[in-house]
């Protein structure tokens, strides 16, 4: 009889140990699933925030590019206008200088012609 009691105690102990192992395995499986779910949620959040940040950066880059293009066009127009004004001024100055030079040349030629002809120099 004692053997039967001993067998019963051993059997009960074995079942208790195996069941506690099952419970531990169940806890590990549950914890693993919870960790996997949290990782998936975190990954989704990071992906969403990354996409949102990328869109914001792209929008700001587009806005900056438009601003730069507008300012470049405005600066180019201003430079072209100033170049045109400068060219007109230079053209007027050159025209005036050319007219003065032509007048002086004509007067000089006239004086030279008078000297060659023997006319007295007017004073």
C-alpha atoms as a PDB file:
ATOM      1  CA  UNK A   1       0.000   0.000   0.000  1.00  0.00           C
ATOM      2  CA  UNK A   2       2.763   2.299   0.710  1.00  0.00           C
ATOM      3  CA  UNK A   3       3.996   1.802  -2.777  1.00  0.00           C
ATOM      4  CA  UNK A   4       0.640   2.903  -4.096  1.00  0.00           C
ATOM      5  CA  UNK A   5       0.726   6.047  -2.006  1.00  0.00           C
ATOM      6  CA  UNK A   6       4.216   6.762  -3.183  1.00  0.00           C
ATOM      7  CA  UNK A   7       3.129   6.219  -6.789  1.00  0.00           C
ATOM      8  CA  UNK A   8       0.161   8.532  -6.275  1.00  0.00           C
ATOM      9  CA  UNK A   9       2.381  11.243  -4.767  1.00  0.00           C
ATOM     10  CA  UNK A  10       4.910  10.891  -7.606  1.00  0.00           C
ATOM     11  CA  UNK A  11       2.145  10.985 -10.202  1.00  0.00           C
ATOM     12  CA  UNK A  12       0.547  14.052  -8.600  1.00  0.00           C
ATOM     13  CA  UNK A  13       3.934  15.760  -8.415  1.00  0.00           C
ATOM     14  CA  UNK A  14       4.673  14.970 -12.052  1.00  0.00           C
ATOM     15  CA  UNK A  15       1.306  16.330 -13.126  1.00  0.00           C
ATOM     16  CA  UNK A  16       1.784  19.459 -11.049  1.00  0.00           C
ATOM     17  CA  UNK A  17       5.230  20.081 -12.517  1.00  0.00           C
ATOM     18  CA  UNK A  18       4.072  19.461 -16.067  1.00  0.00           C
ATOM     19  CA  UNK A  19       1.023  21.666 -15.618  1.00  0.00           C
ATOM     20  CA  UNK A  20       3.112  24.492 -14.185  1.00  0.00           C
ATOM     21  CA  UNK A  21       5.407  24.171 -17.205  1.00  0.00           C
ATOM     22  CA  UNK A  22       2.335  24.416 -19.417  1.00  0.00           C
ATOM     23  CA  UNK A  23       1.193  27.517 -17.528  1.00  0.00           C
ATOM     24  CA  UNK A  24       4.639  29.104 -17.906  1.00  0.00           C
ATOM     25  CA  UNK A  25       4.648  28.270 -21.612  1.00  0.00           C
ATOM     26  CA  UNK A  26       1.193  29.803 -21.892  1.00  0.00           C
ATOM     27  CA  UNK A  27       2.417  33.000 -20.180  1.00  0.00           C
ATOM     28  CA  UNK A  28       5.429  33.164 -22.483  1.00  0.00           C
ATOM     29  CA  UNK A  29       3.213  32.708 -25.537  1.00  0.00           C
ATOM     30  CA  UNK A  30       0.835  35.419 -24.312  1.00  0.00           C
ATOM     31  CA  UNK A  31       3.715  37.805 -23.572  1.00  0.00           C
ATOM     32  CA  UNK A  32       5.254  37.093 -26.969  1.00  0.00           C
ATOM     33  CA  UNK A  33       1.968  37.822 -28.718  1.00  0.00           C
ATOM     34  CA  UNK A  34       1.530  41.066 -26.780  1.00  0.00           C
ATOM     35  CA  UNK A  35       5.080  42.109 -27.668  1.00  0.00           C
ATOM     36  CA  UNK A  36       4.464  41.296 -31.338  1.00  0.00           C
ATOM     37  CA  UNK A  37       1.236  43.327 -31.328  1.00  0.00           C
ATOM     38  CA  UNK A  38       2.984  46.299 -29.702  1.00  0.00           C
ATOM     39  CA  UNK A  39       5.826  46.059 -32.210  1.00  0.00           C
ATOM     40  CA  UNK A  40       3.356  46.012 -35.100  1.00  0.00           C
ATOM     41  CA  UNK A  41       1.505  49.024 -33.675  1.00  0.00           C
ATOM     42  CA  UNK A  42       4.784  50.870 -33.156  1.00  0.00           C
ATOM     43  CA  UNK A  43       5.891  50.082 -36.698  1.00  0.00           C
ATOM     44  CA  UNK A  44       2.610  51.397 -38.095  1.00  0.00           C
ATOM     45  CA  UNK A  45       2.949  54.588 -36.052  1.00  0.00           C
ATOM     46  CA  UNK A  46       6.541  55.135 -37.180  1.00  0.00           C
ATOM     47  CA  UNK A  47       5.623  54.476 -40.815  1.00  0.00           C
ATOM     48  CA  UNK A  48       2.707  56.916 -40.601  1.00  0.00           C
ATOM     49  CA  UNK A  49       4.819  59.637 -38.975  1.00  0.00           C
ATOM     50  CA  UNK A  50       7.626  59.091 -41.482  1.00  0.00           C
ATOM     51  CA  UNK A  51       5.199  59.393 -44.390  1.00  0.00           C
ATOM     52  CA  UNK A  52       3.682  62.505 -42.851  1.00  0.00           C
ATOM     53  CA  UNK A  53       7.117  64.057 -42.284  1.00  0.00           C
ATOM     54  CA  UNK A  54       8.170  63.215 -45.830  1.00  0.00           C
ATOM     55  CA  UNK A  55       5.022  64.841 -47.223  1.00  0.00           C
ATOM     56  CA  UNK A  56       5.608  67.954 -45.114  1.00  0.00           C
ATOM     57  CA  UNK A  57       9.223  68.140 -46.279  1.00  0.00           C
ATOM     58  CA  UNK A  58       8.150  67.703 -49.901  1.00  0.00           C
ATOM     59  CA  UNK A  59       5.521  70.445 -49.541  1.00  0.00           C
ATOM     60  CA  UNK A  60       8.002  72.841 -47.961  1.00  0.00           C
ATOM     61  CA  UNK A  61      10.576  72.038 -50.647  1.00  0.00           C
ATOM     62  CA  UNK A  62       8.004  72.749 -53.357  1.00  0.00           C
ATOM     63  CA  UNK A  63       7.018  76.029 -51.682  1.00  0.00           C
ATOM     64  CA  UNK A  64      10.674  77.031 -51.330  1.00  0.00           C
ATOM     65  CA  UNK A  65      11.350  76.171 -54.957  1.00  0.00           C
ATOM     66  CA  UNK A  66       8.398  78.292 -56.099  1.00  0.00           C
ATOM     67  CA  UNK A  67       9.594  81.206 -53.951  1.00  0.00           C
ATOM     68  CA  UNK A  68      13.127  80.946 -55.301  1.00  0.00           C
ATOM     69  CA  UNK A  69      11.862  80.700 -58.880  1.00  0.00           C
ATOM     70  CA  UNK A  70       9.653  83.761 -58.355  1.00  0.00           C
ATOM     71  CA  UNK A  71      12.461  85.775 -56.784  1.00  0.00           C
ATOM     72  CA  UNK A  72      14.889  84.674 -59.485  1.00  0.00           C
ATOM     73  CA  UNK A  73      12.440  85.755 -62.185  1.00  0.00           C
ATOM     74  CA  UNK A  74      11.895  89.073 -60.422  1.00  0.00           C
ATOM     75  CA  UNK A  75      15.642  89.602 -60.002  1.00  0.00           C
ATOM     76  CA  UNK A  76      16.260  88.690 -63.628  1.00  0.00           C
ATOM     77  CA  UNK A  77      13.595  91.166 -64.775  1.00  0.00           C
ATOM     78  CA  UNK A  78      15.098  93.898 -62.580  1.00  0.00           C
ATOM     79  CA  UNK A  79      18.579  93.152 -63.928  1.00  0.00           C
ATOM     80  CA  UNK A  80      17.267  93.187 -67.492  1.00  0.00           C
ATOM     81  CA  UNK A  81      15.489  96.504 -66.904  1.00  0.00           C
ATOM     82  CA  UNK A  82      18.593  98.068 -65.377  1.00  0.00           C
ATOM     83  CA  UNK A  83      20.743  96.721 -68.196  1.00  0.00           C
ATOM     84  CA  UNK A  84      18.341  98.194 -70.741  1.00  0.00           C
ATOM     85  CA  UNK A  85      18.346 101.554 -68.928  1.00  0.00           C
ATOM     86  CA  UNK A  86      22.137 101.512 -68.732  1.00  0.00           C
ATOM     87  CA  UNK A  87      22.399 100.609 -72.398  1.00  0.00           C
ATOM     88  CA  UNK A  88      20.100 103.520 -73.320  1.00  0.00           C
ATOM     89  CA  UNK A  89      22.179 105.915 -71.225  1.00  0.00           C
ATOM     90  CA  UNK A  90      25.413 104.639 -72.721  1.00  0.00           C
ATOM     91  CA  UNK A  91      23.866 104.821 -76.185  1.00  0.00           C
ATOM     92  CA  UNK A  92      22.870 108.445 -75.600  1.00  0.00           C
ATOM     93  CA  UNK A  93      26.341 109.263 -74.266  1.00  0.00           C
ATOM     94  CA  UNK A  94      28.015 107.546 -77.207  1.00  0.00           C
ATOM     95  CA  UNK A  95      25.664 109.302 -79.613  1.00  0.00           C
ATOM     96  CA  UNK A  96      26.443 112.652 -78.011  1.00  0.00           C
ATOM     97  CA  UNK A  97      30.170 111.888 -78.006  1.00  0.00           C
ATOM     98  CA  UNK A  98      30.044 110.813 -81.621  1.00  0.00           C
ATOM     99  CA  UNK A  99      28.185 114.001 -82.574  1.00  0.00           C
ATOM    100  CA  UNK A 100      30.712 116.113 -80.674  1.00  0.00           C
ATOM    101  CA  UNK A 101      33.596 114.227 -82.263  1.00  0.00           C
ATOM    102  CA  UNK A 102      32.067 114.666 -85.718  1.00  0.00           C
ATOM    103  CA  UNK A 103      31.568 118.391 -85.130  1.00  0.00           C
ATOM    104  CA  UNK A 104      35.141 118.774 -83.852  1.00  0.00           C
ATOM    105  CA  UNK A 105      36.455 116.767 -86.798  1.00  0.00           C
ATOM    106  CA  UNK A 106      34.476 118.903 -89.251  1.00  0.00           C
ATOM    107  CA  UNK A 107      35.711 122.102 -87.605  1.00  0.00           C
ATOM    108  CA  UNK A 108      39.293 120.807 -87.594  1.00  0.00           C
ATOM    109  CA  UNK A 109      39.017 119.817 -91.225  1.00  0.00           C
ATOM    110  CA  UNK A 110      37.655 123.269 -92.061  1.00  0.00           C
ATOM    111  CA  UNK A 111      40.577 124.943 -90.237  1.00  0.00           C
ATOM    112  CA  UNK A 112      43.043 122.685 -92.025  1.00  0.00           C
ATOM    113  CA  UNK A 113      41.416 123.474 -95.356  1.00  0.00           C
ATOM    114  CA  UNK A 114      41.671 127.210 -94.577  1.00  0.00           C
ATOM    115  CA  UNK A 115      45.363 126.857 -93.723  1.00  0.00           C
ATOM    116  CA  UNK A 116      46.015 124.992 -96.929  1.00  0.00           C
ATOM    117  CA  UNK A 117      44.115 127.633 -98.884  1.00  0.00           C
ATOM    118  CA  UNK A 118      46.118 130.346 -97.120  1.00  0.00           C
ATOM    119  CA  UNK A 119      43.201 131.982 -95.318  1.00  0.00           C
ATOM    120  CA  UNK A 120      43.992 133.692 -92.008  1.00  0.00           C
ATOM    121  CA  UNK A 121      42.952 131.920 -88.792  1.00  0.00           C
ATOM    122  CA  UNK A 122      39.926 133.618 -87.216  1.00  0.00           C
ATOM    123  CA  UNK A 123      40.403 134.719 -83.661  1.00  0.00           C
END
